[in-house]
Protein backbone atom coordinates (compact mmCIF):
# COMPACT_ATOMS: atom_id res chain seq x y z
CA MET A 1 15.62 13.89 7.76
CA SER A 2 12.32 15.51 8.73
CA SER A 3 10.24 14.26 11.64
CA THR A 4 8.38 11.02 11.05
CA PRO A 5 4.81 11.56 9.77
CA ARG A 6 1.91 10.21 11.81
CA PHE A 7 1.46 7.09 9.69
CA GLY A 8 5.18 6.46 9.18
CA ARG A 9 7.22 6.31 5.97
CA LEU A 10 6.44 2.90 4.51
CA LEU A 11 2.94 1.44 4.54
CA THR A 12 1.90 -1.76 2.83
CA ALA A 13 -1.55 -2.19 1.33
CA VAL A 14 -1.84 -5.79 2.45
CA ALA A 15 -3.54 -8.62 0.61
CA THR A 16 -6.46 -10.55 2.10
CA ALA A 17 -5.94 -14.31 2.07
CA PHE A 18 -8.71 -16.75 1.08
CA ASP A 19 -9.22 -20.45 1.60
CA ALA A 20 -10.20 -22.98 -1.06
CA GLN A 21 -13.84 -21.92 -0.80
CA GLU A 22 -12.90 -18.23 -1.24
CA ARG A 23 -13.68 -17.51 2.41
CA VAL A 24 -11.44 -15.05 4.23
CA ASP A 25 -8.53 -16.86 5.87
CA LEU A 26 -7.83 -14.75 8.94
CA ASP A 27 -4.76 -16.69 10.08
CA ALA A 28 -3.08 -16.32 6.70
CA THR A 29 -4.08 -12.65 6.47
CA VAL A 30 -2.50 -12.03 9.87
CA ALA A 31 0.63 -13.83 8.64
CA ILE A 32 0.83 -11.37 5.73
CA ALA A 33 0.48 -8.38 8.06
CA ARG A 34 3.15 -9.70 10.42
CA HIS A 35 5.45 -10.40 7.48
CA VAL A 36 5.34 -6.87 6.12
CA VAL A 37 5.82 -5.32 9.57
CA ASP A 38 8.73 -7.69 10.25
CA THR A 39 10.32 -6.62 6.96
CA GLY A 40 10.19 -2.86 7.37
CA SER A 41 6.67 -1.46 7.10
CA ASP A 42 5.59 1.18 9.61
CA GLY A 43 1.98 0.29 9.03
CA VAL A 44 -0.54 -1.70 7.04
CA VAL A 45 -3.63 -0.78 5.08
CA VAL A 46 -6.32 -3.47 5.25
CA SER A 47 -9.36 -3.78 2.98
CA GLY A 48 -7.95 -1.59 0.24
CA THR A 49 -7.65 -2.41 -3.45
CA THR A 50 -4.92 -4.98 -2.80
CA GLY A 51 -7.09 -6.39 -0.02
CA GLU A 52 -9.83 -6.99 -2.63
CA ALA A 53 -12.27 -4.75 -0.75
CA PRO A 54 -14.73 -4.53 -3.67
CA THR A 55 -15.52 -8.21 -3.08
CA THR A 56 -15.49 -8.37 0.73
CA THR A 57 -18.49 -7.80 2.98
CA VAL A 58 -18.73 -5.35 5.87
CA PRO A 59 -18.51 -8.18 8.44
CA GLU A 60 -15.46 -9.60 6.65
CA ASP A 61 -13.80 -6.16 6.67
CA GLY A 62 -14.42 -5.97 10.40
CA GLU A 63 -13.02 -9.44 11.03
CA VAL A 64 -9.85 -8.69 9.05
CA LEU A 65 -9.32 -5.36 10.81
CA ALA A 66 -9.87 -6.86 14.27
CA ALA A 67 -7.53 -9.79 13.62
CA VAL A 68 -4.75 -7.60 12.21
CA ARG A 69 -5.20 -4.99 14.93
CA GLU A 70 -4.82 -7.65 17.63
CA ALA A 71 -1.85 -9.30 15.94
CA ILE A 72 0.08 -6.12 15.20
CA GLY A 73 -0.68 -4.33 18.46
CA ASP A 74 1.44 -1.22 18.86
CA ARG A 75 4.19 -2.38 16.51
CA ALA A 76 2.70 -0.58 13.52
CA VAL A 77 -0.25 1.58 12.52
CA VAL A 78 -3.32 -0.09 11.06
CA ILE A 79 -5.33 1.85 8.49
CA ALA A 80 -8.73 0.61 7.38
CA GLY A 81 -9.92 1.03 3.82
CA VAL A 82 -13.47 2.42 3.96
CA GLY A 83 -13.97 3.80 0.46
CA THR A 84 -16.80 2.61 -1.78
CA ASN A 85 -19.05 4.23 -4.39
CA SER A 86 -21.87 4.52 -1.85
CA THR A 87 -21.56 7.12 0.89
CA ALA A 88 -23.91 5.23 3.20
CA HIS A 89 -21.87 2.05 2.73
CA SER A 90 -18.62 3.89 3.43
CA VAL A 91 -20.13 5.40 6.58
CA GLU A 92 -21.06 1.91 7.79
CA ILE A 93 -17.53 0.61 7.25
CA ALA A 94 -15.97 3.72 8.82
CA GLU A 95 -18.12 3.42 11.93
CA GLN A 96 -17.16 -0.23 12.24
CA ALA A 97 -13.45 0.60 11.82
CA ALA A 98 -13.65 3.27 14.50
CA GLY A 99 -15.25 0.84 16.90
CA ILE A 100 -12.56 -1.79 16.31
CA GLY A 101 -9.71 0.66 16.80
CA ALA A 102 -8.22 1.60 13.44
CA ASP A 103 -5.45 4.18 13.55
CA GLY A 104 -6.56 5.74 10.28
CA LEU A 105 -9.08 5.52 7.46
CA LEU A 106 -8.25 5.28 3.75
CA LEU A 107 -11.01 6.97 1.75
CA VAL A 108 -10.90 6.52 -2.01
CA THR A 109 -12.72 8.69 -4.51
CA PRO A 110 -16.10 7.07 -5.27
CA TYR A 111 -15.64 4.86 -8.30
CA TYR A 112 -17.76 4.02 -11.35
CA ASN A 113 -20.56 6.53 -10.72
CA LYS A 114 -18.16 9.47 -11.36
CA PRO A 115 -19.62 12.14 -9.03
CA SER A 116 -18.97 15.84 -9.53
CA GLN A 117 -16.32 17.57 -7.46
CA ASN A 118 -19.09 18.79 -5.17
CA GLY A 119 -20.30 15.22 -4.79
CA ILE A 120 -16.78 13.99 -4.02
CA LEU A 121 -16.33 16.67 -1.37
CA ARG A 122 -19.68 15.91 0.24
CA HIS A 123 -18.76 12.21 0.30
CA PHE A 124 -15.47 13.00 2.06
CA ARG A 125 -17.17 15.27 4.60
CA THR A 126 -19.88 12.75 5.41
CA VAL A 127 -17.57 9.79 5.89
CA ALA A 128 -14.94 11.76 7.82
CA SER A 129 -17.58 13.11 10.18
CA VAL A 130 -18.38 9.73 11.74
CA SER A 131 -15.23 9.62 13.89
CA ASP A 132 -12.17 11.56 15.00
CA ILE A 133 -9.80 9.09 13.30
CA PRO A 134 -7.28 10.64 10.86
CA VAL A 135 -8.27 10.21 7.22
CA MET A 136 -6.03 9.59 4.22
CA LEU A 137 -7.71 10.44 0.93
CA TYR A 138 -6.91 8.17 -2.01
CA ASP A 139 -6.76 9.55 -5.55
CA VAL A 140 -6.44 6.79 -8.16
CA PRO A 141 -8.25 7.94 -11.32
CA GLY A 142 -7.10 4.89 -13.29
CA ARG A 143 -9.38 2.77 -11.12
CA THR A 144 -12.12 5.21 -10.12
CA GLY A 145 -12.69 7.17 -13.33
CA ALA A 146 -12.60 10.44 -11.39
CA SER A 147 -9.84 12.67 -10.03
CA ILE A 148 -9.84 14.92 -6.99
CA GLY A 149 -9.57 18.54 -8.11
CA LEU A 150 -7.21 20.99 -6.42
CA ASP A 151 -10.12 23.12 -5.15
CA THR A 152 -11.68 19.97 -3.70
CA TYR A 153 -8.41 19.17 -1.97
CA ARG A 154 -8.30 22.71 -0.62
CA ALA A 155 -11.84 22.44 0.76
CA ALA A 156 -11.27 18.93 2.14
CA ARG A 157 -8.23 20.13 4.06
CA GLU A 158 -10.64 22.20 6.15
CA ILE A 159 -12.08 18.93 7.50
CA GLU A 160 -10.22 18.50 10.77
CA THR A 161 -9.54 14.78 10.41
CA VAL A 162 -8.43 14.83 6.75
CA VAL A 163 -4.65 14.95 7.00
CA ALA A 164 -3.04 12.81 4.30
CA VAL A 165 -3.28 11.72 0.66
CA LYS A 166 -2.29 8.57 -1.16
CA ASP A 167 -1.59 9.95 -4.62
CA ALA A 168 -1.74 7.38 -7.42
CA THR A 169 -2.28 9.87 -10.24
CA GLY A 170 1.17 9.22 -11.72
CA ASN A 171 2.10 12.91 -11.36
CA PRO A 172 4.88 13.37 -8.79
CA ALA A 173 4.82 17.17 -9.16
CA HIS A 174 1.29 17.14 -7.75
CA ALA A 175 2.78 16.27 -4.37
CA ALA A 176 4.23 19.77 -4.05
CA ARG A 177 0.80 21.36 -4.45
CA LEU A 178 -0.78 19.04 -1.91
CA THR A 179 2.07 19.57 0.54
CA ASP A 180 1.51 23.32 0.26
CA LEU A 181 -2.10 22.71 1.28
CA GLY A 182 -0.90 20.95 4.43
CA TYR A 183 -1.32 17.31 3.44
CA GLU A 184 1.10 14.52 4.25
CA VAL A 185 1.46 12.98 0.80
CA TYR A 186 2.19 9.31 0.15
CA CYS A 187 3.19 7.97 -3.23
CA GLY A 188 0.72 5.39 -4.47
CA ASP A 189 2.92 3.87 -7.18
CA ASP A 190 6.08 2.06 -6.05
CA ALA A 191 8.11 2.88 -9.15
CA LEU A 192 7.51 6.64 -8.77
CA THR A 193 8.52 6.87 -5.11
CA LEU A 194 11.73 8.85 -5.59
CA GLY A 195 9.96 11.40 -7.79
CA TYR A 196 7.24 11.90 -5.20
CA LEU A 197 9.78 12.26 -2.39
CA ALA A 198 11.62 14.88 -4.44
CA TYR A 199 8.40 16.92 -4.60
CA GLY A 200 7.72 16.70 -0.88
CA ALA A 201 5.94 13.40 -0.29
CA VAL A 202 6.56 11.85 3.12
CA GLY A 203 6.46 8.18 2.16
CA LEU A 204 4.93 5.33 0.19
CA VAL A 205 1.84 3.15 0.35
CA SER A 206 3.23 0.06 -1.33
CA VAL A 207 2.24 -3.19 -2.99
CA VAL A 208 5.80 -4.27 -3.82
CA ALA A 209 6.67 -4.19 -0.09
CA HIS A 210 5.01 -7.58 0.21
CA ALA A 211 8.30 -8.82 -1.27
CA ALA A 212 10.68 -5.88 -0.86
CA GLY A 213 10.01 -4.14 2.44
CA ARG A 214 13.59 -3.68 3.57
CA PRO A 215 14.93 -2.51 0.19
CA LEU A 216 12.10 0.01 -0.13
CA ARG A 217 12.75 1.30 3.35
CA THR A 218 16.46 1.51 2.50
CA MET A 219 15.62 3.57 -0.60
CA ILE A 220 13.30 5.97 1.23
CA GLU A 221 15.65 6.51 4.15
CA ALA A 222 18.61 7.05 1.82
CA PHE A 223 16.76 9.74 -0.10
CA LEU A 224 15.53 11.53 3.02
CA ALA A 225 19.05 11.44 4.47
CA GLY A 226 20.36 13.25 1.40
CA GLU A 227 22.04 10.12 -0.03
CA HIS A 228 20.34 10.62 -3.38
CA ALA A 229 22.77 8.61 -5.50
CA ALA A 230 22.41 5.68 -3.12
CA ALA A 231 18.62 6.01 -3.22
CA LEU A 232 18.74 5.91 -7.01
CA ALA A 233 20.96 2.84 -6.85
CA ALA A 234 18.39 1.13 -4.63
CA HIS A 235 15.60 2.14 -7.00
CA THR A 236 17.53 0.82 -9.98
CA ARG A 237 18.09 -2.50 -8.26
CA LEU A 238 14.32 -2.76 -7.61
CA VAL A 239 13.17 -1.97 -11.16
CA PRO A 240 12.72 -5.64 -12.13
CA ALA A 241 10.50 -6.13 -9.07
CA PHE A 242 8.48 -3.01 -9.87
CA ASP A 243 7.95 -4.27 -13.39
CA ALA A 244 7.09 -7.79 -12.28
CA VAL A 245 4.63 -6.83 -9.54
CA MET A 246 3.07 -3.64 -10.93
CA GLY A 247 3.93 -3.50 -14.62
CA VAL A 248 1.71 -6.31 -15.90
CA PRO A 249 -2.01 -6.29 -16.80
CA ASN A 250 -3.04 -8.73 -14.07
CA TYR A 251 -1.38 -6.90 -11.17
CA GLY A 252 -2.16 -5.94 -7.60
CA ALA A 253 -3.65 -8.54 -5.28
CA THR A 254 -2.80 -11.24 -7.83
CA THR A 255 0.90 -10.46 -8.05
CA ALA A 256 1.22 -9.67 -4.33
CA LYS A 257 -0.20 -13.06 -3.39
CA ALA A 258 1.91 -14.90 -5.90
CA ALA A 259 5.00 -13.14 -4.53
CA LEU A 260 3.99 -14.13 -1.00
CA GLN A 261 3.64 -17.72 -2.17
CA LEU A 262 7.11 -17.62 -3.72
CA LEU A 263 8.51 -16.21 -0.48
CA GLY A 264 6.85 -18.92 1.59
CA VAL A 265 4.51 -16.58 3.48
CA LEU A 266 1.41 -18.11 1.83
CA ASP A 267 0.88 -21.65 0.59
CA ASN A 268 -1.41 -20.50 -2.23
CA ARG A 269 -2.18 -17.46 -4.39
CA ARG A 270 -5.97 -17.56 -4.34
CA VAL A 271 -7.98 -14.46 -5.19
CA ARG A 272 -11.71 -13.88 -5.16
CA GLN A 273 -13.59 -13.62 -8.45
CA PRO A 274 -13.72 -11.72 -10.72
CA LEU A 275 -9.92 -11.61 -10.26
CA ALA A 276 -8.03 -14.59 -11.60
CA GLU A 277 -4.90 -15.91 -9.92
CA LEU A 278 -1.67 -15.84 -11.88
CA ASP A 279 -1.10 -18.80 -14.16
CA ASP A 280 2.20 -20.67 -14.25
CA THR A 281 3.61 -18.51 -17.04
CA GLU A 282 2.79 -15.33 -15.13
CA VAL A 283 4.29 -16.76 -11.94
CA ALA A 284 7.48 -17.60 -13.81
CA ALA A 285 7.74 -14.00 -15.02
CA LEU A 286 7.12 -12.72 -11.50
CA ARG A 287 9.75 -15.06 -10.10
CA ALA A 288 12.26 -13.83 -12.69
CA GLY A 289 11.65 -10.22 -11.67
CA LEU A 290 12.09 -10.96 -7.97
CA VAL A 291 15.27 -12.93 -8.66
CA ALA A 292 16.66 -10.12 -10.82
CA ALA A 293 16.00 -7.65 -8.00
CA GLY A 294 17.83 -9.80 -5.48
CA LEU A 295 14.68 -10.63 -3.54
CA LEU A 296 14.45 -14.35 -4.25
CA ALA A 297 17.03 -17.04 -4.86
CA ALA A 298 16.98 -18.44 -8.37
CA GLY A 299 15.37 -21.83 -8.80
CA GLU A 300 13.73 -22.17 -5.40
CA ARG A 301 11.17 -20.72 -3.08
CA SER A 302 12.44 -18.90 -0.03
CA GLY A 303 11.59 -20.55 3.25
CA GLY A 304 10.82 -17.49 5.33
CA VAL A 305 10.21 -13.80 5.74
CA ASP A 306 13.84 -12.71 6.04
CA SER A 307 14.84 -13.59 2.49
CA SER A 308 15.59 -10.06 1.30
CA ARG A 309 17.92 -9.54 4.22
CA ASP A 310 19.65 -12.91 4.16
CA LEU A 311 19.86 -13.45 0.41
CA ASP A 312 21.93 -10.43 -0.53
CA PRO A 313 23.92 -8.20 1.87
CA TRP A 314 23.69 -5.49 -0.81
CA TRP A 315 20.44 -4.47 0.93
CA GLY A 316 22.01 -4.19 4.36
CA THR A 317 22.93 -0.50 4.17
CA TYR A 318 22.44 2.33 1.73
CA ARG A 319 25.85 3.95 2.17
CA GLY A 320 28.13 2.95 -0.65
CA LEU A 321 25.39 1.58 -2.87
CA ALA A 322 25.91 4.35 -5.39
CA ALA A 323 29.31 2.88 -6.18
CA ASP A 324 27.53 -0.03 -7.83
CA MET A 325 25.91 2.23 -10.42
């Protein structure tokens, strides 16, 4: 297994909790962060897509980052999402994150306004220049309407602080090109993790880890240890969870929060408009997927954060899992 990358192998893009008035619930958000670290994540990303950053204010982003930073301490890295479709706005958030003590910045391609490649590069340079904190670029054309070109990646790698990429393009082979340019590449789609690792990615920025941290870590470590059949067995076991959390139209923060409610980490699944929380039918489908993946006991809500470990010893070790295939 190669040396551990600076941000670790498994990161969770954590949800932001809200109260009944749609105000940020810092205590519940901290509970989410602690939960994912307790169940295998090397780090958390706050105020990203799953954190509903398009609907949070700069002060709210700062409050979430400060609360999670204090709660997590040195147990895990804390990366702050700072990407918006306004360079000035992103600079403001990045400066705030640097002052609070983020370990890294997640910088998504500007969305909606679809800048040219030159505009994207200038955006990256401007935001990265405000601090010496390591930057992870985030390429998710399905949400932003724009992709980062290879020449732009090549030029951005010359920025001293730009060191990593969260690739959610759906193209695992792209990881090999980015690795050749010197990036640490993270898969941005849980279900494609093994493909990305095969092409040189170093880890995963996950949504499904809200419910499946230990199994995902098991899968990644198995693959990197050369236990490829066992890694595939772990992936296969997780397919129902991938489908339930990420394979439905109303996915992301909505399914992550509903999963956390089913696991007993949250007592609600509130999201901020324009998102709509899962209805009872959607929650039932999510529950079925988590049960099928061995992450939740059938017919009841788990009472704590250790459910994936305690429910099924199948997840306890990767050696020998391939025999179940």
